[in-house]
């Protein structure tokens, strides 16, 4: 049995900037700190204003749970920075595409060195 010390599911508030009446993520970035999301929103508003476009209905939204692509055994990241995902399916698709040697078993992720055996 593989012991998971670092679960992919994080049950703590995270934040992202959403836009519109039917909220869509502005950049896809998810932040651990609300102030970083506020900063992202302000920078985007300034950039849009510089092009004569007003950024309507943008606000910071809270996420109660997110998924972090990291090995559940050693906490290794599949890339050079931590990737947070709002949905499990998005994490799986990203790893399938960019890191096919990584394995996902809800709610855990395993690097090539720590994949569970077939018998488990």
N, C-alpha and C. Protein backbone atom coordinates (compact mmCIF):
# COMPACT_ATOMS: atom_id res chain seq x y z
N UNK A 1 0.85 -1.18 0.00
CA UNK A 1 0.00 0.00 0.00
C UNK A 1 0.89 1.24 0.00
N UNK A 2 0.60 2.16 -0.89
CA UNK A 2 1.36 3.41 -0.99
C UNK A 2 0.82 4.40 0.03
N UNK A 3 1.71 4.94 0.85
CA UNK A 3 1.30 5.93 1.85
C UNK A 3 1.36 7.32 1.23
N UNK A 4 0.23 8.01 1.25
CA UNK A 4 0.15 9.36 0.69
C UNK A 4 0.29 10.37 1.82
N UNK A 5 1.33 11.17 1.74
CA UNK A 5 1.59 12.20 2.74
C UNK A 5 1.16 13.57 2.22
N UNK A 6 1.15 13.73 0.90
CA UNK A 6 0.86 15.01 0.26
C UNK A 6 -0.31 14.86 -0.71
N UNK A 7 -1.54 14.94 -0.22
CA UNK A 7 -2.70 14.78 -1.11
C UNK A 7 -2.79 15.93 -2.12
N UNK A 8 -3.34 15.62 -3.28
CA UNK A 8 -3.52 16.65 -4.31
C UNK A 8 -4.67 17.59 -3.95
N UNK A 9 -5.66 17.10 -3.23
CA UNK A 9 -6.81 17.92 -2.86
C UNK A 9 -6.45 18.80 -1.66
N UNK A 10 -6.55 20.11 -1.86
CA UNK A 10 -6.27 21.07 -0.79
C UNK A 10 -7.59 21.70 -0.36
N UNK A 11 -7.95 21.49 0.87
CA UNK A 11 -9.22 22.03 1.39
C UNK A 11 -8.92 23.26 2.24
N UNK A 12 -8.57 24.32 1.55
CA UNK A 12 -8.32 25.61 2.19
C UNK A 12 -8.62 26.67 1.14
N UNK A 13 -9.02 27.85 1.57
CA UNK A 13 -9.41 28.87 0.60
C UNK A 13 -8.27 29.27 -0.34
N UNK A 14 -8.62 29.36 -1.62
CA UNK A 14 -7.76 29.89 -2.66
C UNK A 14 -8.61 30.89 -3.44
N UNK A 15 -7.98 31.69 -4.28
CA UNK A 15 -8.70 32.78 -4.93
C UNK A 15 -8.31 32.89 -6.39
N UNK A 16 -9.28 33.35 -7.20
CA UNK A 16 -8.99 33.67 -8.59
C UNK A 16 -9.88 34.82 -9.03
N UNK A 17 -9.48 35.45 -10.12
CA UNK A 17 -10.23 36.59 -10.65
C UNK A 17 -11.19 36.06 -11.71
N UNK A 18 -12.45 36.43 -11.57
CA UNK A 18 -13.45 36.03 -12.55
C UNK A 18 -14.08 37.28 -13.16
N UNK A 19 -14.59 37.11 -14.38
CA UNK A 19 -15.14 38.23 -15.14
C UNK A 19 -16.49 37.83 -15.71
N UNK A 20 -17.42 38.76 -15.69
CA UNK A 20 -18.69 38.59 -16.39
C UNK A 20 -19.84 38.15 -15.53
N UNK A 21 -21.03 38.26 -16.13
CA UNK A 21 -22.26 37.87 -15.43
C UNK A 21 -22.28 36.37 -15.18
N UNK A 22 -21.69 35.60 -16.11
CA UNK A 22 -21.51 34.16 -15.93
C UNK A 22 -20.02 33.98 -15.73
N UNK A 23 -19.56 34.05 -14.48
CA UNK A 23 -18.13 34.19 -14.20
C UNK A 23 -17.22 33.18 -14.90
N UNK A 24 -16.25 33.74 -15.60
CA UNK A 24 -15.20 32.96 -16.24
C UNK A 24 -13.87 33.43 -15.67
N UNK A 25 -12.92 32.53 -15.47
CA UNK A 25 -11.62 32.95 -14.96
C UNK A 25 -10.96 33.94 -15.92
N UNK A 26 -10.33 34.95 -15.36
CA UNK A 26 -9.64 35.95 -16.17
C UNK A 26 -8.38 35.37 -16.79
N UNK A 27 -7.53 34.74 -15.98
CA UNK A 27 -6.25 34.24 -16.47
C UNK A 27 -6.08 32.74 -16.27
N UNK A 28 -6.90 32.15 -15.43
CA UNK A 28 -6.71 30.75 -15.08
C UNK A 28 -5.80 30.55 -13.88
N UNK A 29 -5.19 31.63 -13.40
CA UNK A 29 -4.32 31.52 -12.23
C UNK A 29 -5.15 31.40 -10.97
N UNK A 30 -4.68 30.54 -10.07
CA UNK A 30 -5.31 30.39 -8.76
C UNK A 30 -4.26 30.79 -7.73
N UNK A 31 -4.68 31.63 -6.79
CA UNK A 31 -3.75 32.18 -5.80
C UNK A 31 -4.09 31.68 -4.40
N UNK A 32 -3.06 31.43 -3.59
CA UNK A 32 -3.27 31.05 -2.18
C UNK A 32 -3.63 32.27 -1.35
N UNK A 33 -3.15 33.40 -1.76
CA UNK A 33 -3.33 34.64 -1.01
C UNK A 33 -4.29 35.56 -1.77
N UNK A 34 -5.33 36.01 -1.10
CA UNK A 34 -6.33 36.88 -1.73
C UNK A 34 -5.70 38.14 -2.29
N UNK A 35 -4.70 38.68 -1.61
CA UNK A 35 -4.08 39.93 -2.06
C UNK A 35 -3.41 39.76 -3.43
N UNK A 36 -2.92 38.56 -3.74
CA UNK A 36 -2.32 38.30 -5.06
C UNK A 36 -3.39 38.33 -6.15
N UNK A 37 -4.58 37.81 -5.84
CA UNK A 37 -5.67 37.85 -6.81
C UNK A 37 -6.14 39.29 -7.02
N UNK A 38 -6.20 40.07 -5.96
CA UNK A 38 -6.58 41.49 -6.08
C UNK A 38 -5.55 42.20 -6.95
N UNK A 39 -4.27 41.93 -6.71
CA UNK A 39 -3.20 42.54 -7.51
C UNK A 39 -3.35 42.17 -8.99
N UNK A 40 -3.62 40.88 -9.27
CA UNK A 40 -3.82 40.44 -10.66
C UNK A 40 -4.97 41.22 -11.31
N UNK A 41 -6.07 41.39 -10.57
CA UNK A 41 -7.22 42.11 -11.10
C UNK A 41 -6.87 43.57 -11.39
N UNK A 42 -6.13 44.22 -10.50
CA UNK A 42 -5.75 45.62 -10.70
C UNK A 42 -4.83 45.78 -11.90
N UNK A 43 -3.86 44.89 -12.04
CA UNK A 43 -2.94 44.95 -13.18
C UNK A 43 -3.70 44.75 -14.49
N UNK A 44 -4.61 43.80 -14.52
CA UNK A 44 -5.40 43.55 -15.73
C UNK A 44 -6.26 44.76 -16.07
N UNK A 45 -6.88 45.37 -15.06
CA UNK A 45 -7.71 46.56 -15.30
C UNK A 45 -6.87 47.69 -15.89
N UNK A 46 -5.65 47.88 -15.37
CA UNK A 46 -4.76 48.92 -15.89
C UNK A 46 -4.35 48.63 -17.33
N UNK A 47 -4.05 47.37 -17.63
CA UNK A 47 -3.65 47.00 -18.99
C UNK A 47 -4.80 47.19 -19.97
N UNK A 48 -6.00 46.79 -19.57
CA UNK A 48 -7.16 46.99 -20.44
C UNK A 48 -7.43 48.47 -20.63
N UNK A 49 -7.36 49.25 -19.56
CA UNK A 49 -7.60 50.70 -19.63
C UNK A 49 -6.59 51.36 -20.58
N UNK A 50 -5.35 50.90 -20.56
CA UNK A 50 -4.33 51.44 -21.46
C UNK A 50 -4.67 51.23 -22.93
N UNK A 51 -5.51 50.26 -23.21
CA UNK A 51 -5.96 50.00 -24.59
C UNK A 51 -7.36 50.56 -24.85
N UNK A 52 -7.86 51.34 -23.86
CA UNK A 52 -9.18 51.95 -24.01
C UNK A 52 -10.33 51.00 -23.77
N UNK A 53 -10.08 49.91 -23.05
CA UNK A 53 -11.12 48.91 -22.77
C UNK A 53 -11.35 48.90 -21.26
N UNK A 54 -12.63 48.92 -20.89
CA UNK A 54 -12.95 48.85 -19.46
C UNK A 54 -13.24 47.39 -19.08
N UNK A 55 -12.64 46.95 -18.01
CA UNK A 55 -12.83 45.58 -17.53
C UNK A 55 -14.06 45.56 -16.64
N UNK A 56 -15.19 45.07 -17.18
CA UNK A 56 -16.45 45.06 -16.46
C UNK A 56 -16.61 43.79 -15.63
N UNK A 57 -17.30 43.95 -14.53
CA UNK A 57 -17.73 42.82 -13.70
C UNK A 57 -16.60 41.87 -13.29
N UNK A 58 -15.43 42.41 -13.03
CA UNK A 58 -14.33 41.58 -12.54
C UNK A 58 -14.34 41.60 -11.02
N UNK A 59 -14.15 40.45 -10.43
CA UNK A 59 -14.06 40.39 -8.97
C UNK A 59 -13.26 39.15 -8.56
N UNK A 60 -12.85 39.15 -7.32
CA UNK A 60 -12.08 38.03 -6.77
C UNK A 60 -13.08 37.04 -6.18
N UNK A 61 -12.97 35.79 -6.60
CA UNK A 61 -13.85 34.74 -6.10
C UNK A 61 -13.03 33.74 -5.29
N UNK A 62 -13.67 33.18 -4.29
CA UNK A 62 -13.01 32.21 -3.41
C UNK A 62 -13.32 30.79 -3.87
N UNK A 63 -12.33 29.94 -3.76
CA UNK A 63 -12.50 28.51 -4.03
C UNK A 63 -12.23 27.77 -2.73
N UNK A 64 -13.13 26.91 -2.30
CA UNK A 64 -12.95 26.18 -1.05
C UNK A 64 -11.99 25.00 -1.19
N UNK A 65 -11.92 24.44 -2.40
CA UNK A 65 -11.04 23.30 -2.65
C UNK A 65 -10.37 23.49 -4.00
N UNK A 66 -9.10 23.13 -4.06
CA UNK A 66 -8.36 23.12 -5.32
C UNK A 66 -7.48 21.87 -5.34
N UNK A 67 -6.95 21.57 -6.50
CA UNK A 67 -6.06 20.42 -6.67
C UNK A 67 -4.67 20.90 -7.04
N UNK A 68 -3.68 20.36 -6.37
CA UNK A 68 -2.28 20.69 -6.63
C UNK A 68 -1.60 19.48 -7.26
N UNK A 69 -1.02 19.70 -8.44
CA UNK A 69 -0.30 18.61 -9.11
C UNK A 69 1.05 18.44 -8.42
N UNK A 70 1.11 17.44 -7.54
CA UNK A 70 2.36 17.08 -6.85
C UNK A 70 2.27 15.62 -6.46
N UNK A 71 3.41 14.98 -6.35
CA UNK A 71 3.43 13.57 -5.97
C UNK A 71 2.94 13.42 -4.53
N UNK A 72 2.05 12.50 -4.31
CA UNK A 72 1.51 12.27 -2.97
C UNK A 72 2.50 11.65 -2.00
N UNK A 73 3.60 11.10 -2.51
CA UNK A 73 4.60 10.46 -1.65
C UNK A 73 5.76 11.41 -1.33
N UNK A 74 6.31 12.07 -2.36
CA UNK A 74 7.52 12.89 -2.15
C UNK A 74 7.29 14.39 -2.36
N UNK A 75 6.11 14.79 -2.81
CA UNK A 75 5.74 16.19 -3.06
C UNK A 75 6.45 16.81 -4.26
N UNK A 76 7.10 15.99 -5.08
CA UNK A 76 7.73 16.50 -6.30
C UNK A 76 6.67 17.10 -7.21
N UNK A 77 7.03 18.20 -7.87
CA UNK A 77 6.14 18.84 -8.83
C UNK A 77 6.46 18.33 -10.23
N UNK A 78 5.47 18.21 -11.09
CA UNK A 78 5.75 17.73 -12.44
C UNK A 78 6.42 18.78 -13.33
N UNK A 79 6.44 20.00 -12.89
CA UNK A 79 7.08 21.08 -13.66
C UNK A 79 7.92 21.94 -12.75
N UNK A 80 8.21 23.14 -13.21
CA UNK A 80 9.08 24.02 -12.44
C UNK A 80 8.32 24.91 -11.46
N UNK A 81 7.00 24.87 -11.50
CA UNK A 81 6.21 25.66 -10.56
C UNK A 81 4.95 24.89 -10.17
N UNK A 82 4.38 25.19 -9.01
CA UNK A 82 3.16 24.48 -8.62
C UNK A 82 1.97 24.89 -9.50
N UNK A 83 1.25 23.92 -10.00
CA UNK A 83 0.04 24.17 -10.78
C UNK A 83 -1.17 23.81 -9.95
N UNK A 84 -2.04 24.78 -9.75
CA UNK A 84 -3.29 24.58 -9.02
C UNK A 84 -4.44 24.49 -10.02
N UNK A 85 -5.38 23.61 -9.73
CA UNK A 85 -6.51 23.39 -10.63
C UNK A 85 -7.81 23.47 -9.85
N UNK A 86 -8.82 24.05 -10.49
CA UNK A 86 -10.14 24.14 -9.88
C UNK A 86 -10.86 22.79 -9.96
N UNK A 87 -10.55 22.00 -10.97
CA UNK A 87 -11.24 20.73 -11.18
C UNK A 87 -10.24 19.58 -11.35
N UNK A 88 -10.60 18.42 -10.83
CA UNK A 88 -9.77 17.23 -10.92
C UNK A 88 -9.53 16.84 -12.38
N UNK A 89 -10.56 16.93 -13.22
CA UNK A 89 -10.43 16.56 -14.63
C UNK A 89 -9.38 17.40 -15.35
N UNK A 90 -9.29 18.68 -14.99
CA UNK A 90 -8.29 19.57 -15.61
C UNK A 90 -6.88 19.15 -15.21
N UNK A 91 -6.69 18.78 -13.95
CA UNK A 91 -5.39 18.29 -13.50
C UNK A 91 -5.02 17.03 -14.26
N UNK A 92 -5.95 16.08 -14.36
CA UNK A 92 -5.68 14.83 -15.06
C UNK A 92 -5.31 15.08 -16.53
N UNK A 93 -6.06 15.92 -17.20
CA UNK A 93 -5.81 16.19 -18.62
C UNK A 93 -4.45 16.85 -18.82
N UNK A 94 -4.09 17.77 -17.94
CA UNK A 94 -2.79 18.44 -18.04
C UNK A 94 -1.66 17.43 -17.86
N UNK A 95 -1.76 16.57 -16.86
CA UNK A 95 -0.71 15.58 -16.65
C UNK A 95 -0.66 14.56 -17.79
N UNK A 96 -1.81 14.17 -18.30
CA UNK A 96 -1.83 13.22 -19.43
C UNK A 96 -1.12 13.82 -20.65
N UNK A 97 -1.32 15.11 -20.85
CA UNK A 97 -0.75 15.78 -22.01
C UNK A 97 0.73 16.09 -21.85
N UNK A 98 1.10 16.67 -20.71
CA UNK A 98 2.46 17.20 -20.54
C UNK A 98 3.39 16.29 -19.73
N UNK A 99 2.84 15.41 -18.92
CA UNK A 99 3.66 14.52 -18.07
C UNK A 99 3.05 13.13 -18.08
N UNK A 100 3.09 12.45 -19.22
CA UNK A 100 2.39 11.17 -19.34
C UNK A 100 2.91 10.06 -18.44
N UNK A 101 4.09 10.22 -17.85
CA UNK A 101 4.62 9.18 -16.95
C UNK A 101 4.06 9.32 -15.54
N UNK A 102 3.34 10.41 -15.26
CA UNK A 102 2.72 10.61 -13.96
C UNK A 102 1.36 9.91 -13.95
N UNK A 103 0.96 9.42 -12.78
CA UNK A 103 -0.29 8.67 -12.63
C UNK A 103 -1.22 9.41 -11.67
N UNK A 104 -2.51 9.44 -12.00
CA UNK A 104 -3.50 10.03 -11.11
C UNK A 104 -4.48 8.96 -10.68
N UNK A 105 -4.79 8.95 -9.40
CA UNK A 105 -5.83 8.09 -8.82
C UNK A 105 -6.55 8.96 -7.81
N UNK A 106 -7.75 9.40 -8.15
CA UNK A 106 -8.44 10.38 -7.31
C UNK A 106 -8.38 10.00 -5.83
N UNK A 107 -7.98 10.93 -4.99
CA UNK A 107 -7.55 12.31 -5.22
C UNK A 107 -6.03 12.47 -5.14
N UNK A 108 -5.29 11.52 -5.67
CA UNK A 108 -3.83 11.55 -5.53
C UNK A 108 -3.12 11.54 -6.87
N UNK A 109 -1.88 12.04 -6.83
CA UNK A 109 -1.01 12.10 -8.00
C UNK A 109 0.29 11.41 -7.61
N UNK A 110 0.88 10.66 -8.55
CA UNK A 110 2.13 9.95 -8.27
C UNK A 110 3.15 10.20 -9.38
N UNK A 111 4.37 10.53 -8.97
CA UNK A 111 5.47 10.71 -9.92
C UNK A 111 5.91 9.34 -10.42
N UNK A 112 6.75 9.28 -11.45
CA UNK A 112 7.18 7.98 -11.98
C UNK A 112 7.87 7.08 -10.93
N UNK A 113 8.52 7.65 -9.95
CA UNK A 113 9.24 6.85 -8.95
C UNK A 113 8.31 6.26 -7.88
N UNK A 114 7.12 6.80 -7.69
CA UNK A 114 6.25 6.37 -6.59
C UNK A 114 4.88 5.88 -7.03
N UNK A 115 4.78 5.33 -8.18
CA UNK A 115 3.48 4.84 -8.65
C UNK A 115 3.07 3.60 -7.88
N UNK A 116 1.80 3.52 -7.51
CA UNK A 116 1.32 2.34 -6.79
C UNK A 116 1.47 1.08 -7.65
N UNK A 117 1.71 -0.03 -7.00
CA UNK A 117 1.82 -1.29 -7.74
C UNK A 117 0.44 -1.72 -8.21
N UNK A 118 0.41 -2.58 -9.19
CA UNK A 118 -0.86 -3.09 -9.75
C UNK A 118 -1.66 -3.88 -8.72
N UNK A 119 -1.01 -4.46 -7.72
CA UNK A 119 -1.67 -5.32 -6.73
C UNK A 119 -2.49 -4.53 -5.73
N UNK A 120 -2.23 -3.26 -5.59
CA UNK A 120 -2.91 -2.48 -4.55
C UNK A 120 -4.33 -2.18 -4.88
